[in-house]
């Protein structure tokens, strides 16, 4: 049987080997530290779930933009170019700290529907309605469940509660045709925006 070869060190190269020993020891130490400090890899399943949630939130933002939810649910600032969204009040509905503009006496409610200048309130044959606070504050949808949000859109029920009053105009009724995935995405997105403490006034029927 052939013997394994040995490493033969001659006297001439022994000083060279001795000079390399500290370098070899240091390299080995750095290798050990490098291996020890390697970050743990995130499980693929966790990465996929995070990506899935982010994609859902992104889709929800897209739906909010396309459906024009901000048109009524975000107060406006008046500029030379007309009203623009006040992003400090994003999606907080009618600003409860501001009075509702007086209804002109020469306008007959019924043939005409009136909107506040920033579109967050409307007056019509149904009475006076205010755009809701859709931020995740407790005065908004902070305590809502997905089922409530779905019922509000599908069945037009105030706060998504079975025995509550209908949601009044100008809330679009065709939102009932949104898919389950669309509604889940919108709800997920709204839960990520900045919460705003704003208790919107209650709906007022025509008699009031």
N, C-alpha and C. Protein backbone atom coordinates (compact mmCIF):
# COMPACT_ATOMS: atom_id res chain seq x y z
N UNK A 1 0.86 -1.20 0.00
CA UNK A 1 0.00 0.00 0.00
C UNK A 1 0.88 1.23 0.00
N UNK A 2 0.55 2.16 -0.86
CA UNK A 2 1.34 3.39 -0.98
C UNK A 2 1.03 4.31 0.18
N UNK A 3 2.07 4.82 0.82
CA UNK A 3 1.89 5.72 1.95
C UNK A 3 1.59 7.13 1.47
N UNK A 4 0.78 7.84 2.29
CA UNK A 4 0.46 9.23 1.95
C UNK A 4 1.71 10.07 2.05
N UNK A 5 1.91 10.99 1.13
CA UNK A 5 3.11 11.84 1.16
C UNK A 5 3.10 12.75 2.37
N UNK A 6 4.25 13.08 2.86
CA UNK A 6 4.41 13.99 3.98
C UNK A 6 4.86 15.34 3.48
N UNK A 7 4.63 16.36 4.29
CA UNK A 7 5.15 17.69 3.99
C UNK A 7 6.55 17.76 4.56
N UNK A 8 7.52 17.87 3.69
CA UNK A 8 8.92 17.89 4.10
C UNK A 8 9.41 19.32 4.16
N UNK A 9 9.86 19.74 5.31
CA UNK A 9 10.35 21.10 5.51
C UNK A 9 11.86 21.06 5.68
N UNK A 10 12.57 21.72 4.85
CA UNK A 10 14.03 21.76 4.93
C UNK A 10 14.46 22.86 5.88
N UNK A 11 15.65 22.82 6.32
CA UNK A 11 16.18 23.83 7.24
C UNK A 11 16.18 25.21 6.60
N UNK A 12 16.30 25.26 5.26
CA UNK A 12 16.36 26.54 4.58
C UNK A 12 15.04 27.30 4.66
N UNK A 13 13.91 26.57 4.64
CA UNK A 13 12.61 27.27 4.62
C UNK A 13 11.98 27.37 6.01
N UNK A 14 12.63 26.75 7.01
CA UNK A 14 12.08 26.79 8.37
C UNK A 14 11.92 28.21 8.89
N UNK A 15 12.93 29.11 8.71
CA UNK A 15 12.72 30.51 9.18
C UNK A 15 11.54 31.19 8.48
N UNK A 16 11.36 30.85 7.21
CA UNK A 16 10.23 31.46 6.47
C UNK A 16 8.91 30.99 7.06
N UNK A 17 8.82 29.69 7.37
CA UNK A 17 7.60 29.14 7.94
C UNK A 17 7.30 29.78 9.29
N UNK A 18 8.38 29.98 10.08
CA UNK A 18 8.18 30.60 11.40
C UNK A 18 7.62 32.02 11.26
N UNK A 19 8.08 32.73 10.24
CA UNK A 19 7.60 34.11 10.05
C UNK A 19 6.15 34.14 9.59
N UNK A 20 5.68 33.04 8.99
CA UNK A 20 4.30 33.00 8.51
C UNK A 20 3.31 32.56 9.57
N UNK A 21 3.80 31.98 10.67
CA UNK A 21 2.90 31.46 11.70
C UNK A 21 1.96 32.52 12.25
N UNK A 22 2.45 33.74 12.65
CA UNK A 22 1.51 34.76 13.16
C UNK A 22 0.43 35.14 12.14
N UNK A 23 0.85 35.22 10.87
CA UNK A 23 -0.13 35.56 9.82
C UNK A 23 -1.19 34.49 9.68
N UNK A 24 -0.77 33.22 9.75
CA UNK A 24 -1.72 32.11 9.63
C UNK A 24 -2.68 32.09 10.81
N UNK A 25 -2.15 32.36 12.01
CA UNK A 25 -3.00 32.37 13.21
C UNK A 25 -4.03 33.49 13.11
N UNK A 26 -3.57 34.69 12.68
CA UNK A 26 -4.48 35.83 12.55
C UNK A 26 -5.56 35.55 11.51
N UNK A 27 -5.17 34.95 10.40
CA UNK A 27 -6.14 34.64 9.35
C UNK A 27 -7.19 33.65 9.84
N UNK A 28 -6.74 32.66 10.60
CA UNK A 28 -7.67 31.67 11.14
C UNK A 28 -8.65 32.32 12.10
N UNK A 29 -8.12 33.25 12.93
CA UNK A 29 -8.99 33.95 13.88
C UNK A 29 -10.03 34.78 13.18
N UNK A 30 -9.62 35.50 12.14
CA UNK A 30 -10.56 36.33 11.39
C UNK A 30 -11.62 35.47 10.72
N UNK A 31 -11.23 34.31 10.24
CA UNK A 31 -12.17 33.41 9.59
C UNK A 31 -13.23 32.93 10.57
N UNK A 32 -12.78 32.61 11.80
CA UNK A 32 -13.72 32.15 12.84
C UNK A 32 -14.70 33.25 13.19
N UNK A 33 -14.16 34.50 13.36
CA UNK A 33 -15.02 35.63 13.71
C UNK A 33 -16.02 35.91 12.60
N UNK A 34 -15.51 35.84 11.35
CA UNK A 34 -16.37 36.11 10.20
C UNK A 34 -17.53 35.12 10.14
N UNK A 35 -17.21 33.85 10.39
CA UNK A 35 -18.26 32.84 10.36
C UNK A 35 -19.26 33.03 11.49
N UNK A 36 -18.73 33.45 12.65
CA UNK A 36 -19.58 33.63 13.82
C UNK A 36 -20.54 34.80 13.65
N UNK A 37 -20.05 35.88 12.97
CA UNK A 37 -20.84 37.09 12.84
C UNK A 37 -21.80 37.09 11.66
N UNK A 38 -21.84 36.01 10.92
CA UNK A 38 -22.74 35.96 9.78
C UNK A 38 -24.18 36.07 10.26
N UNK A 39 -24.98 37.02 9.72
CA UNK A 39 -26.37 37.14 10.16
C UNK A 39 -27.19 35.92 9.77
N UNK A 40 -28.14 35.61 10.64
CA UNK A 40 -29.01 34.48 10.34
C UNK A 40 -29.93 34.82 9.17
N UNK A 41 -30.07 33.90 8.28
CA UNK A 41 -30.93 34.14 7.13
C UNK A 41 -32.40 34.09 7.55
N UNK A 42 -33.17 35.05 7.03
CA UNK A 42 -34.61 35.06 7.30
C UNK A 42 -35.26 33.92 6.52
N UNK A 43 -36.08 33.13 7.18
CA UNK A 43 -36.74 32.03 6.46
C UNK A 43 -37.50 32.55 5.24
N UNK A 44 -37.46 31.76 4.18
CA UNK A 44 -38.11 32.16 2.93
C UNK A 44 -39.59 32.42 3.14
N UNK A 45 -40.22 31.61 3.98
CA UNK A 45 -41.66 31.78 4.22
C UNK A 45 -41.95 33.15 4.83
N UNK A 46 -41.07 33.59 5.76
CA UNK A 46 -41.27 34.90 6.40
C UNK A 46 -41.10 36.02 5.39
N UNK A 47 -40.11 35.88 4.52
CA UNK A 47 -39.88 36.89 3.47
C UNK A 47 -41.09 36.96 2.54
N UNK A 48 -41.60 35.81 2.16
CA UNK A 48 -42.75 35.77 1.26
C UNK A 48 -43.98 36.41 1.90
N UNK A 49 -44.18 36.17 3.19
CA UNK A 49 -45.33 36.76 3.89
C UNK A 49 -45.20 38.27 3.96
N UNK A 50 -43.97 38.75 4.23
CA UNK A 50 -43.74 40.20 4.29
C UNK A 50 -43.98 40.84 2.93
N UNK A 51 -43.50 40.18 1.88
CA UNK A 51 -43.71 40.69 0.52
C UNK A 51 -45.20 40.68 0.16
N UNK A 52 -45.88 39.63 0.58
CA UNK A 52 -47.32 39.51 0.29
C UNK A 52 -48.10 40.64 0.96
N UNK A 53 -47.76 40.93 2.22
CA UNK A 53 -48.44 42.01 2.94
C UNK A 53 -48.16 43.35 2.30
N UNK A 54 -46.89 43.59 1.92
CA UNK A 54 -46.55 44.87 1.29
C UNK A 54 -47.25 45.03 -0.05
N UNK A 55 -47.34 43.94 -0.81
CA UNK A 55 -48.06 44.00 -2.08
C UNK A 55 -49.54 44.31 -1.87
N UNK A 56 -50.10 43.75 -0.80
CA UNK A 56 -51.51 44.02 -0.49
C UNK A 56 -51.71 45.49 -0.13
N UNK A 57 -50.80 46.04 0.69
CA UNK A 57 -50.88 47.45 1.08
C UNK A 57 -50.73 48.35 -0.14
N UNK A 58 -49.78 48.02 -1.01
CA UNK A 58 -49.57 48.81 -2.23
C UNK A 58 -50.82 48.79 -3.11
N UNK A 59 -51.44 47.62 -3.21
CA UNK A 59 -52.67 47.52 -4.01
C UNK A 59 -53.79 48.34 -3.37
N UNK A 60 -53.84 48.34 -2.05
CA UNK A 60 -54.85 49.13 -1.35
C UNK A 60 -54.68 50.61 -1.61
N UNK A 61 -53.45 51.09 -1.59
CA UNK A 61 -53.19 52.50 -1.89
C UNK A 61 -53.62 52.83 -3.31
N UNK A 62 -53.30 51.92 -4.23
CA UNK A 62 -53.70 52.11 -5.63
C UNK A 62 -55.22 52.23 -5.74
N UNK A 63 -55.94 51.36 -5.04
CA UNK A 63 -57.40 51.38 -5.11
C UNK A 63 -57.96 52.68 -4.52
N UNK A 64 -57.40 53.13 -3.41
CA UNK A 64 -57.85 54.39 -2.79
C UNK A 64 -57.65 55.55 -3.76
N UNK A 65 -56.51 55.55 -4.44
CA UNK A 65 -56.24 56.62 -5.41
C UNK A 65 -57.19 56.56 -6.60
N UNK A 66 -57.38 55.36 -7.14
CA UNK A 66 -58.21 55.21 -8.34
C UNK A 66 -59.69 55.48 -8.04
N UNK A 67 -60.16 55.05 -6.89
CA UNK A 67 -61.57 55.24 -6.53
C UNK A 67 -61.88 56.67 -6.10
N UNK A 68 -60.84 57.47 -5.91
CA UNK A 68 -61.06 58.86 -5.53
C UNK A 68 -61.52 59.04 -4.10
N UNK A 69 -61.14 58.12 -3.21
CA UNK A 69 -61.58 58.20 -1.81
C UNK A 69 -61.12 59.50 -1.15
N UNK A 70 -59.95 59.98 -1.56
CA UNK A 70 -59.41 61.19 -0.94
C UNK A 70 -60.20 62.44 -1.33
N UNK A 71 -60.94 62.37 -2.43
CA UNK A 71 -61.67 63.55 -2.88
C UNK A 71 -62.65 64.04 -1.82
N UNK A 72 -63.32 63.11 -1.14
CA UNK A 72 -64.29 63.50 -0.11
C UNK A 72 -63.75 63.34 1.31
N UNK A 73 -62.83 62.41 1.50
CA UNK A 73 -62.39 62.09 2.86
C UNK A 73 -61.15 62.86 3.32
N UNK A 74 -60.60 63.71 2.46
CA UNK A 74 -59.46 64.54 2.85
C UNK A 74 -59.82 66.01 2.72
N UNK A 75 -59.72 66.79 3.81
CA UNK A 75 -59.96 68.24 3.71
C UNK A 75 -58.99 68.88 2.73
N UNK A 76 -59.36 70.04 2.23
CA UNK A 76 -58.57 70.73 1.20
C UNK A 76 -58.06 72.08 1.70
N UNK A 77 -57.03 72.52 1.02
CA UNK A 77 -56.53 73.89 1.18
C UNK A 77 -56.79 74.63 -0.12
N UNK A 78 -57.27 75.84 -0.01
CA UNK A 78 -57.55 76.63 -1.21
C UNK A 78 -56.28 77.30 -1.70
N UNK A 79 -56.01 77.16 -2.98
CA UNK A 79 -54.84 77.77 -3.61
C UNK A 79 -55.30 78.52 -4.86
N UNK A 80 -54.35 79.16 -5.53
CA UNK A 80 -54.67 79.86 -6.77
C UNK A 80 -55.15 78.89 -7.85
N UNK A 81 -54.75 77.63 -7.72
CA UNK A 81 -55.18 76.60 -8.68
C UNK A 81 -56.44 75.87 -8.20
N UNK A 82 -57.04 76.35 -7.12
CA UNK A 82 -58.21 75.68 -6.59
C UNK A 82 -57.87 74.84 -5.37
N UNK A 83 -58.80 74.00 -4.92
CA UNK A 83 -58.56 73.19 -3.72
C UNK A 83 -57.55 72.07 -3.97
N UNK A 84 -56.64 71.89 -3.01
CA UNK A 84 -55.68 70.78 -3.05
C UNK A 84 -55.75 70.06 -1.71
N UNK A 85 -55.39 68.81 -1.71
CA UNK A 85 -55.45 68.01 -0.48
C UNK A 85 -54.55 68.60 0.61
N UNK A 86 -55.09 68.68 1.81
CA UNK A 86 -54.30 69.05 2.98
C UNK A 86 -53.76 67.75 3.57
N UNK A 87 -52.50 67.43 3.26
CA UNK A 87 -51.95 66.13 3.62
C UNK A 87 -51.76 65.95 5.12
N UNK A 88 -51.77 67.05 5.88
CA UNK A 88 -51.71 66.93 7.33
C UNK A 88 -53.03 66.42 7.89
N UNK A 89 -54.07 66.45 7.07
CA UNK A 89 -55.39 65.97 7.48
C UNK A 89 -55.85 64.81 6.61
N UNK A 90 -54.89 64.08 6.07
CA UNK A 90 -55.16 63.04 5.09
C UNK A 90 -56.16 62.01 5.60
N UNK A 91 -57.27 61.88 4.89
CA UNK A 91 -58.30 60.86 5.10
C UNK A 91 -59.01 60.96 6.45
N UNK A 92 -58.97 62.15 7.08
CA UNK A 92 -59.62 62.27 8.39
C UNK A 92 -61.08 62.72 8.28
N UNK A 93 -61.59 62.87 7.06
CA UNK A 93 -62.98 63.25 6.88
C UNK A 93 -63.23 64.72 7.14
N UNK A 94 -64.50 65.06 7.34
CA UNK A 94 -64.86 66.46 7.62
C UNK A 94 -64.14 66.93 8.87
N UNK A 95 -63.51 68.09 8.79
CA UNK A 95 -62.77 68.65 9.92
C UNK A 95 -63.76 69.15 10.97
N UNK A 96 -63.84 68.41 12.08
CA UNK A 96 -64.82 68.74 13.12
C UNK A 96 -64.54 70.07 13.80
N UNK A 97 -63.33 70.60 13.64
CA UNK A 97 -62.99 71.88 14.26
C UNK A 97 -63.49 73.07 13.44
N UNK A 98 -63.99 72.79 12.24
CA UNK A 98 -64.46 73.85 11.36
C UNK A 98 -65.99 73.83 11.25
N UNK A 99 -66.63 75.00 11.21
CA UNK A 99 -68.09 75.02 11.06
C UNK A 99 -68.50 74.68 9.63
N UNK A 100 -69.69 74.13 9.50
CA UNK A 100 -70.23 73.89 8.17
C UNK A 100 -70.68 75.21 7.58
N UNK A 101 -70.29 75.52 6.34
CA UNK A 101 -70.73 76.78 5.73
C UNK A 101 -72.25 76.88 5.70
N UNK A 102 -72.81 78.07 5.88
CA UNK A 102 -74.27 78.22 5.85
C UNK A 102 -74.84 77.89 4.47
N UNK A 103 -76.01 77.30 4.48
CA UNK A 103 -76.69 76.96 3.22
C UNK A 103 -77.33 78.23 2.66
N UNK A 104 -77.06 78.57 1.40
CA UNK A 104 -77.67 79.78 0.80
C UNK A 104 -79.19 79.71 0.83
N UNK A 105 -79.81 80.79 1.22
CA UNK A 105 -81.28 80.80 1.34
C UNK A 105 -81.97 80.72 -0.01
N UNK A 106 -81.30 81.16 -1.05
CA UNK A 106 -81.95 81.19 -2.37
C UNK A 106 -81.78 79.88 -3.13
N UNK A 107 -81.20 78.86 -2.48
CA UNK A 107 -81.03 77.56 -3.12
C UNK A 107 -82.01 76.58 -2.50
N UNK A 108 -82.89 76.03 -3.30
CA UNK A 108 -83.89 75.08 -2.81
C UNK A 108 -83.28 73.68 -2.75
N UNK A 109 -83.18 73.14 -1.53
CA UNK A 109 -82.65 71.79 -1.39
C UNK A 109 -83.69 70.80 -1.92
N UNK A 110 -83.27 69.96 -2.77
CA UNK A 110 -84.18 69.02 -3.44
C UNK A 110 -83.82 69.02 -4.90
N UNK A 111 -84.13 70.13 -5.60
CA UNK A 111 -83.65 70.23 -6.97
C UNK A 111 -82.13 70.33 -7.04
N UNK A 112 -81.53 70.86 -5.94
CA UNK A 112 -80.08 71.06 -5.92
C UNK A 112 -79.46 70.26 -4.78
N UNK A 113 -78.21 69.84 -5.00
CA UNK A 113 -77.39 69.22 -3.96
C UNK A 113 -76.18 70.11 -3.75
N UNK A 114 -75.88 70.44 -2.51
CA UNK A 114 -74.77 71.34 -2.20
C UNK A 114 -73.62 70.56 -1.58
N UNK A 115 -72.40 70.94 -1.98
CA UNK A 115 -71.20 70.39 -1.38
C UNK A 115 -70.43 71.51 -0.69
N UNK A 116 -69.83 71.19 0.45
CA UNK A 116 -68.89 72.14 1.05
C UNK A 116 -67.74 72.35 0.08
N UNK A 117 -67.06 73.47 0.21
CA UNK A 117 -66.01 73.82 -0.75
C UNK A 117 -64.92 72.78 -0.86
N UNK A 118 -64.66 72.02 0.21
CA UNK A 118 -63.60 71.01 0.14
C UNK A 118 -64.17 69.60 -0.06
N UNK A 119 -65.48 69.51 -0.34
CA UNK A 119 -66.17 68.25 -0.67
C UNK A 119 -66.31 67.28 0.49
N UNK A 120 -66.02 67.72 1.73
CA UNK A 120 -66.11 66.79 2.86
C UNK A 120 -67.48 66.77 3.53
N UNK A 121 -68.42 67.58 3.03
CA UNK A 121 -69.79 67.57 3.54
C UNK A 121 -70.74 67.86 2.39
N UNK A 122 -71.95 67.33 2.50
CA UNK A 122 -72.94 67.53 1.45
C UNK A 122 -74.32 67.70 2.07
N UNK A 123 -75.13 68.53 1.41
CA UNK A 123 -76.51 68.78 1.84
C UNK A 123 -77.43 68.46 0.67
N UNK A 124 -78.44 67.62 0.91
CA UNK A 124 -79.37 67.25 -0.14
C UNK A 124 -80.70 66.81 0.44
N UNK A 125 -81.57 66.21 -0.35
CA UNK A 125 -82.88 65.76 0.13
C UNK A 125 -82.77 64.78 1.30
N UNK A 126 -81.64 64.08 1.40
CA UNK A 126 -81.44 63.09 2.47
C UNK A 126 -81.05 63.74 3.80
N UNK A 127 -80.66 65.03 3.76
CA UNK A 127 -80.19 65.71 4.96
C UNK A 127 -78.77 66.22 4.77
N UNK A 128 -78.01 66.25 5.85
CA UNK A 128 -76.62 66.72 5.81
C UNK A 128 -75.70 65.58 6.21
N UNK A 129 -74.77 65.24 5.33
CA UNK A 129 -73.85 64.13 5.59
C UNK A 129 -72.42 64.63 5.58
N UNK A 130 -71.59 63.95 6.34
CA UNK A 130 -70.19 64.34 6.51
C UNK A 130 -69.29 63.16 6.14
N UNK A 131 -68.21 63.46 5.44
CA UNK A 131 -67.24 62.40 5.10
C UNK A 131 -66.62 61.84 6.37
N UNK A 132 -66.54 60.52 6.45
CA UNK A 132 -66.07 59.85 7.66
C UNK A 132 -64.55 59.92 7.80
N UNK A 133 -64.10 59.77 9.03
CA UNK A 133 -62.68 59.65 9.34
C UNK A 133 -62.26 58.22 9.03
N UNK A 134 -61.39 58.04 8.05
CA UNK A 134 -60.95 56.70 7.65
C UNK A 134 -59.54 56.39 8.10
N UNK A 135 -59.02 57.17 9.04
CA UNK A 135 -57.68 56.88 9.57
C UNK A 135 -57.80 55.85 10.71
N UNK A 136 -56.68 55.21 11.09
CA UNK A 136 -56.74 54.19 12.14
C UNK A 136 -56.80 54.73 13.56
N UNK A 137 -57.32 55.94 13.74
CA UNK A 137 -57.55 56.48 15.08
C UNK A 137 -58.87 55.92 15.62
N UNK A 138 -59.03 55.93 16.94
CA UNK A 138 -60.27 55.39 17.51
C UNK A 138 -61.50 56.21 17.11
N UNK A 139 -61.28 57.48 16.71
CA UNK A 139 -62.39 58.29 16.19
C UNK A 139 -62.65 58.00 14.72
N UNK A 140 -61.82 57.16 14.14
CA UNK A 140 -61.99 56.75 12.76
C UNK A 140 -62.31 55.26 12.69
N UNK A 141 -61.46 54.50 11.96
CA UNK A 141 -61.70 53.06 11.83
C UNK A 141 -60.71 52.25 12.66
N UNK A 142 -60.11 52.90 13.67
CA UNK A 142 -59.10 52.22 14.47
C UNK A 142 -59.59 50.96 15.15
N UNK A 143 -60.85 50.93 15.55
CA UNK A 143 -61.41 49.76 16.23
C UNK A 143 -62.25 48.88 15.32
N UNK A 144 -62.27 49.20 14.05
CA UNK A 144 -63.07 48.41 13.11
C UNK A 144 -62.41 47.07 12.81
N UNK A 145 -63.24 46.09 12.49
CA UNK A 145 -62.75 44.83 11.96
C UNK A 145 -62.91 44.83 10.44
N UNK A 146 -62.25 43.87 9.81
CA UNK A 146 -62.41 43.74 8.36
C UNK A 146 -63.86 43.46 7.99
N UNK A 147 -64.56 42.68 8.82
CA UNK A 147 -65.97 42.38 8.54
C UNK A 147 -66.81 43.65 8.56
N UNK A 148 -66.55 44.54 9.51
CA UNK A 148 -67.28 45.81 9.56
C UNK A 148 -67.02 46.64 8.31
N UNK A 149 -65.74 46.71 7.94
CA UNK A 149 -65.36 47.50 6.77
C UNK A 149 -66.03 46.95 5.51
N UNK A 150 -66.07 45.63 5.41
CA UNK A 150 -66.70 44.99 4.26
C UNK A 150 -68.20 45.27 4.23
N UNK A 151 -68.85 45.18 5.37
CA UNK A 151 -70.30 45.44 5.44
C UNK A 151 -70.61 46.89 5.12
N UNK A 152 -69.74 47.80 5.54
CA UNK A 152 -69.95 49.22 5.24
C UNK A 152 -69.94 49.45 3.73
N UNK A 153 -69.03 48.77 3.02
CA UNK A 153 -68.94 48.96 1.58
C UNK A 153 -69.98 48.15 0.81
N UNK A 154 -70.22 46.93 1.25
CA UNK A 154 -71.12 46.04 0.51
C UNK A 154 -72.59 46.36 0.80
N UNK A 155 -72.91 46.56 2.08
CA UNK A 155 -74.31 46.74 2.48
C UNK A 155 -74.65 48.19 2.80
N UNK A 156 -73.65 49.08 2.68
CA UNK A 156 -73.87 50.51 2.96
C UNK A 156 -74.43 50.73 4.37
N UNK A 157 -73.86 50.02 5.34
CA UNK A 157 -74.28 50.14 6.73
C UNK A 157 -73.29 51.02 7.50
N UNK A 158 -73.82 51.98 8.25
CA UNK A 158 -73.00 52.91 9.03
C UNK A 158 -72.14 52.13 10.03
N UNK A 159 -70.84 52.38 9.98
CA UNK A 159 -69.85 51.70 10.83
C UNK A 159 -69.85 50.18 10.64
N UNK A 160 -70.46 49.72 9.55
CA UNK A 160 -70.46 48.29 9.26
C UNK A 160 -71.24 47.47 10.27
N UNK A 161 -72.21 48.09 10.93
CA UNK A 161 -73.01 47.38 11.94
C UNK A 161 -74.38 47.04 11.37
N UNK A 162 -74.81 45.81 11.62
CA UNK A 162 -76.02 45.27 10.99
C UNK A 162 -77.25 46.12 11.24
N UNK A 163 -77.44 46.58 12.46
CA UNK A 163 -78.67 47.29 12.82
C UNK A 163 -78.53 48.81 12.76
N UNK A 164 -77.49 49.28 12.12
CA UNK A 164 -77.27 50.73 12.04
C UNK A 164 -78.00 51.32 10.83
N UNK A 165 -77.99 52.63 10.75
CA UNK A 165 -78.64 53.32 9.63
C UNK A 165 -77.84 53.12 8.34
N UNK A 166 -78.44 53.42 7.21
CA UNK A 166 -77.69 53.37 5.94
C UNK A 166 -76.64 54.48 5.89
N UNK A 167 -75.58 54.22 5.13
CA UNK A 167 -74.62 55.28 4.83
C UNK A 167 -75.25 56.20 3.80
N UNK A 168 -75.19 57.49 4.07
CA UNK A 168 -75.89 58.45 3.22
C UNK A 168 -75.05 58.87 2.00
N UNK A 169 -75.73 59.43 0.98
CA UNK A 169 -75.00 60.02 -0.14
C UNK A 169 -74.08 61.12 0.39
N UNK A 170 -73.02 61.40 -0.36
CA UNK A 170 -72.71 60.96 -1.72
C UNK A 170 -71.85 59.70 -1.79
N UNK A 171 -71.85 58.87 -0.74
CA UNK A 171 -71.07 57.64 -0.77
C UNK A 171 -71.51 56.78 -1.95
N UNK A 172 -70.58 56.44 -2.87
CA UNK A 172 -70.95 55.67 -4.07
C UNK A 172 -71.40 54.25 -3.73
N UNK A 173 -72.54 53.85 -4.24
CA UNK A 173 -73.07 52.52 -3.97
C UNK A 173 -72.37 51.43 -4.79
N UNK A 174 -71.72 51.83 -5.88
CA UNK A 174 -71.10 50.81 -6.72
C UNK A 174 -69.84 50.21 -6.08
N UNK A 175 -69.40 50.76 -4.94
CA UNK A 175 -68.28 50.14 -4.23
C UNK A 175 -68.65 48.74 -3.75
N UNK A 176 -69.94 48.44 -3.73
CA UNK A 176 -70.39 47.10 -3.32
C UNK A 176 -69.85 46.02 -4.25
N UNK A 177 -69.44 46.41 -5.45
CA UNK A 177 -68.95 45.43 -6.43
C UNK A 177 -67.45 45.20 -6.33
N UNK A 178 -66.80 45.82 -5.37
CA UNK A 178 -65.38 45.55 -5.16
C UNK A 178 -65.18 44.09 -4.77
N UNK A 179 -64.07 43.51 -5.20
CA UNK A 179 -63.79 42.12 -4.84
C UNK A 179 -63.35 42.04 -3.37
N UNK A 180 -63.40 40.83 -2.83
CA UNK A 180 -62.92 40.63 -1.46
C UNK A 180 -61.47 41.07 -1.32
N UNK A 181 -60.67 40.74 -2.33
CA UNK A 181 -59.25 41.10 -2.27
C UNK A 181 -59.05 42.60 -2.30
N UNK A 182 -59.86 43.30 -3.09
CA UNK A 182 -59.77 44.76 -3.14
C UNK A 182 -60.10 45.36 -1.77
N UNK A 183 -61.16 44.88 -1.16
CA UNK A 183 -61.58 45.42 0.14
C UNK A 183 -60.53 45.13 1.21
N UNK A 184 -59.98 43.92 1.21
CA UNK A 184 -58.93 43.58 2.17
C UNK A 184 -57.72 44.49 1.99
N UNK A 185 -57.38 44.75 0.74
CA UNK A 185 -56.21 45.59 0.45
C UNK A 185 -56.44 47.03 0.89
N UNK A 186 -57.62 47.57 0.61
CA UNK A 186 -57.93 48.94 1.03
C UNK A 186 -57.88 49.05 2.55
N UNK A 187 -58.46 48.08 3.23
CA UNK A 187 -58.47 48.08 4.70
C UNK A 187 -57.05 48.00 5.25
N UNK A 188 -56.23 47.13 4.66
CA UNK A 188 -54.84 46.99 5.11
C UNK A 188 -54.07 48.30 4.92
N UNK A 189 -54.29 48.96 3.79
CA UNK A 189 -53.60 50.24 3.54
C UNK A 189 -54.05 51.31 4.53
N UNK A 190 -55.36 51.44 4.75
CA UNK A 190 -55.86 52.48 5.65
C UNK A 190 -55.33 52.29 7.07
N UNK A 191 -55.04 51.05 7.44
CA UNK A 191 -54.50 50.79 8.77
C UNK A 191 -53.05 51.26 8.91
N UNK A 192 -52.41 51.60 7.80
CA UNK A 192 -51.01 52.03 7.85
C UNK A 192 -50.84 53.54 7.82
N UNK A 193 -51.90 54.29 7.52
CA UNK A 193 -51.75 55.75 7.40
C UNK A 193 -51.77 56.39 8.78
N UNK A 194 -51.40 57.65 8.83
CA UNK A 194 -51.30 58.36 10.11
C UNK A 194 -52.67 58.54 10.75
N UNK A 195 -52.83 58.12 12.02
CA UNK A 195 -54.12 58.30 12.70
C UNK A 195 -54.38 59.76 13.02
N UNK A 196 -55.61 60.19 12.84
CA UNK A 196 -55.99 61.58 13.11
C UNK A 196 -57.18 61.61 14.08
N UNK A 197 -56.99 62.35 15.18
CA UNK A 197 -58.06 62.50 16.17
C UNK A 197 -59.08 63.50 15.65
N UNK A 198 -60.17 63.01 15.12
CA UNK A 198 -61.18 63.88 14.51
C UNK A 198 -62.54 63.19 14.55
N UNK A 199 -63.36 63.58 15.51
CA UNK A 199 -64.68 62.99 15.65
C UNK A 199 -65.65 63.74 14.74
N UNK A 200 -65.94 63.14 13.62
CA UNK A 200 -66.79 63.77 12.60
C UNK A 200 -68.22 63.94 13.14
N UNK A 201 -68.87 65.08 12.86
CA UNK A 201 -70.26 65.28 13.32
C UNK A 201 -71.19 64.19 12.81
N UNK A 202 -72.25 63.96 13.56
CA UNK A 202 -73.24 62.96 13.17
C UNK A 202 -74.09 63.46 12.01
N UNK A 203 -74.54 62.52 11.21
CA UNK A 203 -75.46 62.82 10.11
C UNK A 203 -76.71 63.52 10.66
N UNK A 204 -77.20 64.51 9.89
CA UNK A 204 -78.41 65.23 10.29
C UNK A 204 -79.51 65.00 9.25
N UNK A 205 -80.65 64.46 9.66
CA UNK A 205 -81.76 64.26 8.71
C UNK A 205 -82.36 65.59 8.29
N UNK A 206 -83.16 65.59 7.23
CA UNK A 206 -83.71 66.86 6.70
C UNK A 206 -84.49 67.65 7.74
N UNK A 207 -85.19 66.96 8.63
CA UNK A 207 -86.03 67.65 9.61
C UNK A 207 -85.24 68.49 10.60
N UNK A 208 -83.93 68.18 10.73
CA UNK A 208 -83.11 68.92 11.69
C UNK A 208 -82.51 70.18 11.08
